[in-house]
Amino acid sequence: MSENRKLIKIATAGSVDDGKSTLIGRLLYDTNSLTSDKIEAIERSSKQRGYDYLDFSLATDGLVAEREQGITIDVAHIYFNTNKTNFIVADTPGHVEYTRNMVTGASTSQVAIILIDARKGVIEQTYRHFFIANLLRISHVVVAINKMDLVGYDEDIYLKIKSDFEVLVGKSGFREDQISFIPVSALKGENIAKQSEEMPWYIGNTLLQHLEILEPIDLEENSVARFPIQYVTRPKTAAYHDFRGFSGKLYGGSLKVGDQVTVLPSGNETKIKSIHFFDQEFQEAAAGSSITITLEDEVDLSRGDMLVKSGIEPQSEKQISATICQVNNKALKVGDKYILQHGVNRVLAKVDQIASRIHTDFSGTEEVEQLKLNDIGKVKLRLSKPIHADSYLSNKSNGSFILIDEGSFDTVSVGFID
């Protein structure tokens, strides 16, 4: 039965103490995803702290430092399911200084749950988290207005926050039907898995019901097919003595036997002869498939090369413009040199220009001489050799990259090609 369930990947976001961990813990509890010993441990810890309620944040805050401070400082991936849907949740930090963690945690998510403390309303971190959801082209955003129990379940407060947030939506690339608003109390379980009797004025779905009926668009499936070669497969067996296949993961679209494909960077054309997955053979492969392809002609291909459908090739450029997020304490400046990793390829890159730093409240940009930790900005890079890339809007996987420090090999920036 589980094979028929859809999978939804979710990122949570919100400011410190907005209740992200409590919300996820409540979802785990209400979907019977916590083991009995875990529940007993939560009950024990809650009593030790003098709480007269179960502290569900203990279900997700795994690091000792987090438990001591009562905050989340790392990205945790949590799994739970219902009869209809499997969920993977990336629980990301709320601090401004951990913006980088949200970028990485949300980069593979289809849905974002942005929590807002009903007592505080829309704040700076709300802008930042929504901006990142917009930047990463997340398919749907659920705005969970939490801690409604602490404002007397007041409908006017909910409507004011909803109205303030809708101003942000109007400045973003989101359509109105991609945004949902739900008033909740994660601590009390109101509108999480059961309808709240405290908020009869709200007639929509609970959070769990809403997540179950969502049909997030898989942007990868709707983008053009890109197949970067990770490995050339030459089995040393008698049965496959002449076998020469090209293994990797298909990013975007689909490929099928008989498709005319172009080899990059050589530009040679050939056709797909067969598609293999382990010991099985298929006529077609969908986006996200890890496969091995054989070709009708003897063409020279190695790790880092790419197969694409003929006629819809990506750009091969030595200069790129991109939006980047700084994820390292080392500031990025004009003239700096890095290793740019695009898929399995690595090339040398030099920062030609920092065009601007972007205000994450959608208020515009400003000129700066450097980009510091957690800054998001527009840059131009010059590369030592071309990469075969798409814009991030066209293909998320083939339109993203990271910049690596040549000395320490630390990741410095995460980039999205314009």
Protein backbone atom coordinates (compact mmCIF):
# COMPACT_ATOMS: atom_id res chain seq x y z
CA MET A 1 0.00 0.00 0.00
CA SER A 2 2.84 2.39 0.82
CA GLU A 3 4.01 2.20 -2.78
CA ASN A 4 0.91 4.15 -3.82
CA ARG A 5 1.47 6.98 -1.38
CA LYS A 6 2.74 10.24 -2.74
CA LEU A 7 5.85 11.80 -1.23
CA ILE A 8 5.94 15.43 -0.16
CA LYS A 9 9.18 17.12 0.93
CA ILE A 10 8.63 19.97 3.38
CA ALA A 11 10.88 22.65 4.88
CA THR A 12 9.85 24.41 8.07
CA ALA A 13 10.93 27.97 8.74
CA GLY A 14 10.26 30.61 11.32
CA SER A 15 11.94 32.85 13.84
CA VAL A 16 13.42 31.56 17.10
CA ASP A 17 10.75 30.27 19.52
CA ASP A 18 7.99 30.35 16.91
CA GLY A 19 7.40 26.66 17.66
CA LYS A 20 8.79 24.77 14.66
CA SER A 21 10.09 21.82 16.66
CA THR A 22 6.90 21.68 18.71
CA LEU A 23 4.83 21.68 15.53
CA ILE A 24 6.80 18.81 14.01
CA GLY A 25 6.74 16.88 17.28
CA ARG A 26 2.97 17.32 17.39
CA LEU A 27 2.64 16.06 13.80
CA LEU A 28 4.75 13.02 14.70
CA TYR A 29 2.62 12.36 17.79
CA ASP A 30 -0.72 12.83 16.02
CA THR A 31 0.30 10.49 13.17
CA ASN A 32 1.47 7.80 15.62
CA SER A 33 5.03 8.18 14.32
CA LEU A 34 6.66 8.27 17.77
CA THR A 35 7.67 5.04 19.48
CA SER A 36 6.32 4.34 22.96
CA ASP A 37 9.76 4.77 24.56
CA LYS A 38 10.15 8.14 22.82
CA ILE A 39 6.78 9.28 24.19
CA GLU A 40 7.78 8.07 27.66
CA ALA A 41 11.05 10.02 27.40
CA ILE A 42 9.12 13.17 26.41
CA GLU A 43 6.73 12.69 29.33
CA ARG A 44 9.66 12.20 31.72
CA SER A 45 11.58 15.26 30.47
CA SER A 46 8.47 17.43 30.49
CA LYS A 47 7.78 16.54 34.14
CA GLN A 48 11.42 17.17 35.10
CA ARG A 49 11.13 20.66 33.64
CA GLY A 50 7.96 21.30 35.61
CA TYR A 51 5.67 21.44 32.56
CA ASP A 52 2.04 20.45 32.88
CA TYR A 53 2.03 19.53 29.19
CA LEU A 54 4.07 17.35 26.84
CA ASP A 55 6.99 19.27 25.31
CA PHE A 56 6.87 17.87 21.77
CA SER A 57 9.92 19.88 20.71
CA LEU A 58 11.95 17.18 22.47
CA ALA A 59 10.94 14.80 19.68
CA THR A 60 13.09 16.69 17.16
CA ASP A 61 15.72 18.76 18.98
CA GLY A 62 18.41 16.09 19.01
CA LEU A 63 21.60 18.04 19.64
CA VAL A 64 22.68 18.59 23.23
CA ALA A 65 23.31 22.29 22.56
CA GLU A 66 19.79 22.62 21.16
CA ARG A 67 18.17 20.94 24.13
CA GLU A 68 20.08 23.12 26.57
CA GLN A 69 19.07 26.33 24.77
CA GLY A 70 15.63 25.20 23.63
CA ILE A 71 16.40 26.20 20.02
CA THR A 72 17.19 24.51 16.72
CA ILE A 73 20.68 25.19 15.30
CA ASP A 74 21.05 22.42 12.73
CA VAL A 75 18.93 21.00 9.90
CA ALA A 76 17.21 17.79 10.94
CA HIS A 77 15.33 15.57 8.51
CA ILE A 78 12.26 13.91 9.98
CA TYR A 79 10.08 11.25 8.40
CA PHE A 80 6.41 10.48 9.03
CA ASN A 81 3.43 9.29 7.07
CA THR A 82 -0.33 8.95 6.93
CA ASN A 83 -2.43 6.44 5.02
CA LYS A 84 -2.29 8.75 2.01
CA THR A 85 1.09 10.47 2.05
CA ASN A 86 4.75 10.07 3.02
CA PHE A 87 6.44 13.20 4.35
CA ILE A 88 10.07 14.26 4.73
CA VAL A 89 10.48 17.40 6.82
CA ALA A 90 13.62 19.54 6.93
CA ASP A 91 13.47 21.36 10.28
CA THR A 92 15.61 24.45 9.69
CA PRO A 93 16.94 27.01 12.21
CA GLY A 94 15.29 30.34 12.93
CA HIS A 95 18.28 32.55 13.75
CA VAL A 96 19.34 35.12 11.16
CA GLU A 97 22.90 33.74 11.35
CA TYR A 98 21.65 30.33 10.23
CA THR A 99 20.01 31.53 7.00
CA ARG A 100 22.48 29.29 5.15
CA ASN A 101 20.94 26.25 6.87
CA MET A 102 17.51 27.18 5.57
CA VAL A 103 18.87 27.56 2.03
CA THR A 104 20.37 24.07 2.12
CA GLY A 105 17.44 22.52 3.97
CA ALA A 106 14.83 24.00 1.64
CA SER A 107 16.72 23.47 -1.62
CA THR A 108 15.12 20.07 -2.25
CA SER A 109 11.71 20.84 -0.71
CA GLN A 110 8.43 21.24 -2.55
CA VAL A 111 6.49 22.83 0.31
CA ALA A 112 7.50 25.36 2.96
CA ILE A 113 5.71 25.79 6.28
CA ILE A 114 6.49 29.28 7.56
CA LEU A 115 5.55 29.73 11.20
CA ILE A 116 4.56 33.10 12.62
CA ASP A 117 4.13 33.75 16.34
CA ALA A 118 0.63 35.24 16.65
CA ARG A 119 1.90 37.60 19.36
CA LYS A 120 4.66 39.05 17.14
CA GLY A 121 3.15 38.97 13.66
CA VAL A 122 5.23 39.39 10.49
CA ILE A 123 8.86 40.20 11.41
CA GLU A 124 12.22 40.49 9.63
CA GLN A 125 12.85 36.74 9.68
CA THR A 126 9.44 36.17 8.09
CA TYR A 127 10.55 38.32 5.15
CA ARG A 128 13.83 36.44 4.89
CA HIS A 129 12.28 32.97 5.00
CA PHE A 130 9.61 33.86 2.46
CA PHE A 131 12.24 35.43 0.20
CA ILE A 132 14.27 32.20 0.28
CA ALA A 133 11.16 30.14 -0.50
CA ASN A 134 10.59 32.42 -3.49
CA LEU A 135 14.27 32.23 -4.55
CA LEU A 136 14.29 28.43 -4.39
CA ARG A 137 11.05 28.16 -6.41
CA ILE A 138 9.21 26.18 -3.73
CA SER A 139 5.89 25.02 -5.10
CA HIS A 140 3.60 25.88 -2.16
CA VAL A 141 3.87 27.87 1.09
CA VAL A 142 1.75 27.19 4.15
CA VAL A 143 1.71 30.10 6.59
CA ALA A 144 1.00 28.57 10.01
CA ILE A 145 0.05 31.33 12.45
CA ASN A 146 1.05 29.62 15.68
CA LYS A 147 0.46 30.19 19.40
CA MET A 148 -3.13 31.28 18.83
CA ASP A 149 -3.81 30.05 22.38
CA LEU A 150 -1.64 32.90 23.70
CA VAL A 151 -3.77 35.56 21.98
CA GLY A 152 -7.12 34.13 23.05
CA TYR A 153 -7.76 32.54 19.62
CA ASP A 154 -8.57 36.04 18.35
CA GLU A 155 -9.72 36.01 14.71
CA ASP A 156 -8.83 39.69 14.22
CA ILE A 157 -5.18 39.01 15.08
CA TYR A 158 -5.13 36.13 12.57
CA LEU A 159 -6.70 38.32 9.86
CA LYS A 160 -4.21 41.17 10.51
CA ILE A 161 -1.22 38.83 10.13
CA LYS A 162 -2.77 37.26 7.03
CA SER A 163 -3.26 40.71 5.51
CA ASP A 164 0.33 41.76 6.30
CA PHE A 165 1.70 38.60 4.73
CA GLU A 166 -0.42 39.03 1.59
CA VAL A 167 1.44 42.31 0.97
CA LEU A 168 4.64 40.24 0.74
CA VAL A 169 2.98 37.74 -1.61
CA GLY A 170 2.14 40.60 -3.95
CA LYS A 171 5.84 41.52 -4.19
CA SER A 172 6.99 37.94 -4.83
CA GLY A 173 6.80 35.54 -7.74
CA PHE A 174 4.13 33.44 -6.03
CA ARG A 175 0.53 33.26 -7.17
CA GLU A 176 -2.17 33.59 -4.51
CA ASP A 177 -3.21 29.95 -4.97
CA GLN A 178 0.31 28.87 -3.94
CA ILE A 179 -0.11 30.35 -0.45
CA SER A 180 -2.32 29.00 2.36
CA PHE A 181 -3.00 30.37 5.85
CA ILE A 182 -3.89 28.22 8.86
CA PRO A 183 -4.28 29.41 12.49
CA VAL A 184 -2.82 26.81 14.86
CA SER A 185 -1.62 26.04 18.35
CA ALA A 186 1.11 23.42 18.02
CA LEU A 187 1.34 23.08 21.80
CA LYS A 188 -2.39 22.43 22.27
CA GLY A 189 -2.83 20.52 19.00
CA GLU A 190 -5.39 23.01 17.65
CA ASN A 191 -5.86 22.72 13.85
CA ILE A 192 -2.85 20.40 13.55
CA ALA A 193 -4.50 17.01 13.08
CA LYS A 194 -7.92 17.82 14.55
CA GLN A 195 -10.26 20.72 13.95
CA SER A 196 -10.07 23.34 16.68
CA GLU A 197 -13.17 23.97 18.75
CA GLU A 198 -11.48 27.11 20.03
CA MET A 199 -11.47 28.69 16.56
CA PRO A 200 -14.92 28.00 15.07
CA TRP A 201 -14.44 31.04 12.84
CA TYR A 202 -11.82 29.11 10.84
CA ILE A 203 -13.56 26.74 8.42
CA GLY A 204 -10.59 25.46 6.41
CA ASN A 205 -8.63 22.21 6.66
CA THR A 206 -6.32 21.31 9.50
CA LEU A 207 -2.61 21.50 8.76
CA LEU A 208 -2.33 17.74 8.28
CA GLN A 209 -5.43 17.58 6.06
CA HIS A 210 -4.05 20.42 3.96
CA LEU A 211 -0.65 18.78 3.55
CA GLU A 212 -2.31 15.52 2.50
CA ILE A 213 -4.34 17.08 -0.30
CA LEU A 214 -1.51 19.22 -1.68
CA GLU A 215 -0.29 18.31 -5.16
CA PRO A 216 2.98 20.22 -5.35
CA ILE A 217 4.38 20.67 -8.82
CA ASP A 218 7.55 18.70 -9.41
CA LEU A 219 9.59 21.35 -11.19
CA GLU A 220 12.26 18.78 -12.01
CA GLU A 221 9.83 16.71 -14.07
CA ASN A 222 8.68 19.75 -16.02
CA SER A 223 12.19 20.94 -16.93
CA VAL A 224 14.44 19.88 -19.79
CA ALA A 225 16.35 16.59 -19.61
CA ARG A 226 19.96 16.78 -18.48
CA PHE A 227 22.08 13.65 -17.90
CA PRO A 228 25.55 14.40 -16.48
CA ILE A 229 27.87 11.39 -16.64
CA GLN A 230 29.13 10.28 -13.24
CA TYR A 231 30.71 6.98 -14.20
CA VAL A 232 31.59 4.94 -17.29
CA THR A 233 30.41 1.36 -16.66
CA ARG A 234 32.58 -1.43 -18.10
CA PRO A 235 31.71 -4.74 -16.34
CA LYS A 236 34.55 -7.27 -16.26
CA THR A 237 32.31 -10.28 -16.85
CA ALA A 238 31.88 -12.70 -19.73
CA ALA A 239 28.15 -11.92 -20.01
CA TYR A 240 28.83 -8.19 -20.47
CA HIS A 241 32.21 -8.37 -22.18
CA ASP A 242 31.45 -5.58 -24.71
CA PHE A 243 29.12 -3.55 -22.50
CA ARG A 244 29.94 0.16 -22.26
CA GLY A 245 27.38 2.21 -20.39
CA PHE A 246 27.20 5.71 -18.96
CA SER A 247 25.83 6.02 -15.44
CA GLY A 248 24.35 9.00 -13.65
CA LYS A 249 21.18 10.66 -12.43
CA LEU A 250 18.66 12.19 -14.83
CA TYR A 251 17.83 15.79 -13.95
CA GLY A 252 14.62 17.03 -15.52
CA GLY A 253 12.29 15.70 -18.19
CA SER A 254 12.63 12.12 -19.44
CA LEU A 255 14.76 10.09 -21.81
CA LYS A 256 13.69 7.06 -23.82
CA VAL A 257 15.23 4.48 -26.11
CA GLY A 258 15.62 5.92 -29.62
CA ASP A 259 15.94 9.55 -28.49
CA GLN A 260 18.43 11.60 -30.50
CA VAL A 261 20.94 13.01 -28.02
CA THR A 262 23.87 15.41 -28.15
CA VAL A 263 27.09 14.77 -26.26
CA LEU A 264 28.58 17.79 -24.48
CA PRO A 265 31.14 19.28 -24.81
CA SER A 266 32.02 17.52 -28.09
CA GLY A 267 28.68 18.22 -29.80
CA ASN A 268 28.55 14.71 -31.30
CA GLU A 269 25.08 13.27 -31.90
CA THR A 270 23.87 9.71 -31.42
CA LYS A 271 20.80 7.80 -30.22
CA ILE A 272 19.98 6.03 -26.97
CA LYS A 273 20.29 2.29 -27.48
CA SER A 274 19.17 1.03 -24.04
CA ILE A 275 18.37 2.23 -20.52
CA HIS A 276 19.29 0.09 -17.52
CA PHE A 277 18.56 0.21 -13.81
CA PHE A 278 20.59 -2.44 -11.97
CA ASP A 279 19.62 -5.71 -13.71
CA GLN A 280 16.46 -4.37 -15.38
CA GLU A 281 16.00 -2.69 -18.76
CA PHE A 282 13.48 0.08 -19.46
CA GLN A 283 12.18 1.90 -22.52
CA GLU A 284 11.98 5.25 -20.70
CA ALA A 285 13.48 6.94 -17.63
CA ALA A 286 11.84 9.77 -15.67
CA ALA A 287 13.44 12.74 -13.90
CA GLY A 288 15.29 11.71 -10.76
CA SER A 289 16.14 8.22 -12.06
CA SER A 290 19.61 6.85 -11.43
CA ILE A 291 20.30 4.86 -14.59
CA THR A 292 22.88 3.54 -17.02
CA ILE A 293 22.52 4.42 -20.70
CA THR A 294 24.11 2.77 -23.73
CA LEU A 295 24.44 4.55 -27.07
CA GLU A 296 24.12 3.33 -30.66
CA ASP A 297 27.45 4.83 -31.75
CA GLU A 298 30.95 4.64 -30.31
CA VAL A 299 31.35 8.14 -28.89
CA ASP A 300 33.92 9.40 -26.44
CA LEU A 301 32.29 10.17 -23.08
CA SER A 302 33.77 10.50 -19.61
CA ARG A 303 32.86 11.73 -16.12
CA GLY A 304 31.64 15.32 -16.24
CA ASP A 305 30.33 15.15 -19.81
CA MET A 306 26.60 15.51 -20.39
CA LEU A 307 23.91 13.91 -22.57
CA VAL A 308 20.98 16.12 -23.61
CA LYS A 309 18.19 15.81 -26.15
CA SER A 310 19.33 17.23 -29.47
CA GLY A 311 17.90 20.65 -30.21
CA ILE A 312 17.44 21.69 -26.56
CA GLU A 313 21.03 22.04 -25.43
CA PRO A 314 21.98 24.17 -22.40
CA GLN A 315 24.16 27.26 -22.64
CA SER A 316 27.91 26.61 -22.62
CA GLU A 317 29.36 29.75 -21.06
CA LYS A 318 32.63 30.92 -19.53
CA GLN A 319 30.88 33.89 -17.91
CA ILE A 320 27.76 33.54 -15.78
CA SER A 321 25.48 35.84 -13.80
CA ALA A 322 24.00 34.34 -10.65
CA THR A 323 22.22 34.96 -7.38
CA ILE A 324 24.29 33.63 -4.50
CA CYS A 325 23.89 33.14 -0.75
CA GLN A 326 27.03 33.39 1.35
CA VAL A 327 27.27 30.36 3.63
CA ASN A 328 30.76 30.96 5.04
CA ASN A 329 32.31 33.52 7.39
CA LYS A 330 34.74 34.48 4.64
CA ALA A 331 33.31 37.44 2.73
CA LEU A 332 33.12 37.31 -1.07
CA LYS A 333 34.90 40.16 -2.88
CA VAL A 334 35.65 41.16 -6.48
CA GLY A 335 38.80 39.41 -7.68
CA ASP A 336 38.44 36.43 -5.34
CA LYS A 337 39.14 33.05 -6.92
CA TYR A 338 37.24 29.87 -6.10
CA ILE A 339 36.52 26.38 -7.33
CA LEU A 340 33.05 26.30 -8.86
CA GLN A 341 31.35 22.92 -8.59
CA HIS A 342 28.50 22.43 -11.06
CA GLY A 343 27.12 18.91 -10.81
CA VAL A 344 30.14 16.59 -10.97
CA ASN A 345 32.27 19.21 -12.76
CA ARG A 346 34.76 21.52 -11.10
CA VAL A 347 36.21 24.63 -12.79
CA LEU A 348 38.15 27.63 -11.54
CA ALA A 349 36.09 30.79 -11.08
CA LYS A 350 36.91 34.44 -10.47
CA VAL A 351 34.47 37.03 -9.10
CA ASP A 352 34.23 39.67 -11.84
CA GLN A 353 31.52 41.80 -10.29
CA ILE A 354 29.26 42.09 -7.24
CA ALA A 355 26.24 43.73 -8.81
CA SER A 356 24.22 44.20 -5.62
CA ARG A 357 23.11 42.86 -2.28
CA ILE A 358 19.42 41.95 -2.24
CA HIS A 359 17.12 43.13 0.54
CA THR A 360 15.18 40.06 1.64
CA ASP A 361 12.11 42.13 2.52
CA PHE A 362 11.55 42.63 -1.24
CA SER A 363 12.38 46.33 -0.87
CA GLY A 364 15.11 46.32 -3.52
CA THR A 365 18.91 46.13 -3.70
CA GLU A 366 21.99 48.10 -2.68
CA GLU A 367 25.53 48.38 -3.99
CA VAL A 368 28.14 46.72 -1.78
CA GLU A 369 31.84 45.91 -2.06
CA GLN A 370 31.51 42.44 -0.52
CA LEU A 371 28.96 39.84 0.45
CA LYS A 372 29.15 38.61 4.05
CA LEU A 373 27.80 35.51 5.77
CA ASN A 374 24.08 35.00 4.99
CA ASP A 375 24.00 37.88 2.50
CA ILE A 376 22.16 37.22 -0.76
CA GLY A 377 23.37 39.07 -3.82
CA LYS A 378 23.85 39.25 -7.58
CA VAL A 379 27.31 38.47 -8.97
CA LYS A 380 29.13 37.84 -12.23
CA LEU A 381 31.73 35.07 -12.44
CA ARG A 382 34.40 34.33 -15.06
CA LEU A 383 35.29 30.64 -15.47
CA SER A 384 38.44 28.87 -16.63
CA LYS A 385 36.37 26.77 -19.04
CA PRO A 386 32.69 26.63 -20.03
CA ILE A 387 30.04 24.82 -18.01
CA HIS A 388 26.92 23.38 -19.66
CA ALA A 389 24.28 25.07 -17.54
CA ASP A 390 20.67 26.23 -17.60
CA SER A 391 19.09 29.05 -15.67
CA TYR A 392 17.78 27.96 -12.26
CA LEU A 393 14.28 28.77 -13.55
CA SER A 394 14.70 26.25 -16.39
CA ASN A 395 16.34 23.42 -14.47
CA LYS A 396 16.97 23.61 -10.72
CA SER A 397 19.68 20.95 -10.65
CA ASN A 398 21.56 22.13 -13.74
CA GLY A 399 21.13 25.78 -12.78
CA SER A 400 22.75 25.61 -9.34
CA PHE A 401 26.34 25.43 -8.12
CA ILE A 402 28.57 25.96 -5.10
CA LEU A 403 31.77 27.98 -4.71
CA ILE A 404 34.59 26.25 -2.80
CA ASP A 405 37.59 27.89 -1.15
CA GLU A 406 40.78 26.73 -2.91
CA GLY A 407 42.78 26.49 0.30
CA SER A 408 40.40 25.09 2.92
CA PHE A 409 37.96 23.40 0.52
CA ASP A 410 35.11 24.89 2.58
CA THR A 411 31.88 25.73 0.75
CA VAL A 412 31.70 29.53 0.55
CA SER A 413 28.59 30.23 -1.52
CA VAL A 414 25.50 28.55 -2.94
CA GLY A 415 24.59 29.88 -6.37
CA PHE A 416 21.59 30.01 -8.68
CA ILE A 417 22.26 30.88 -12.32
CA ASP A 418 20.16 33.72 -13.76
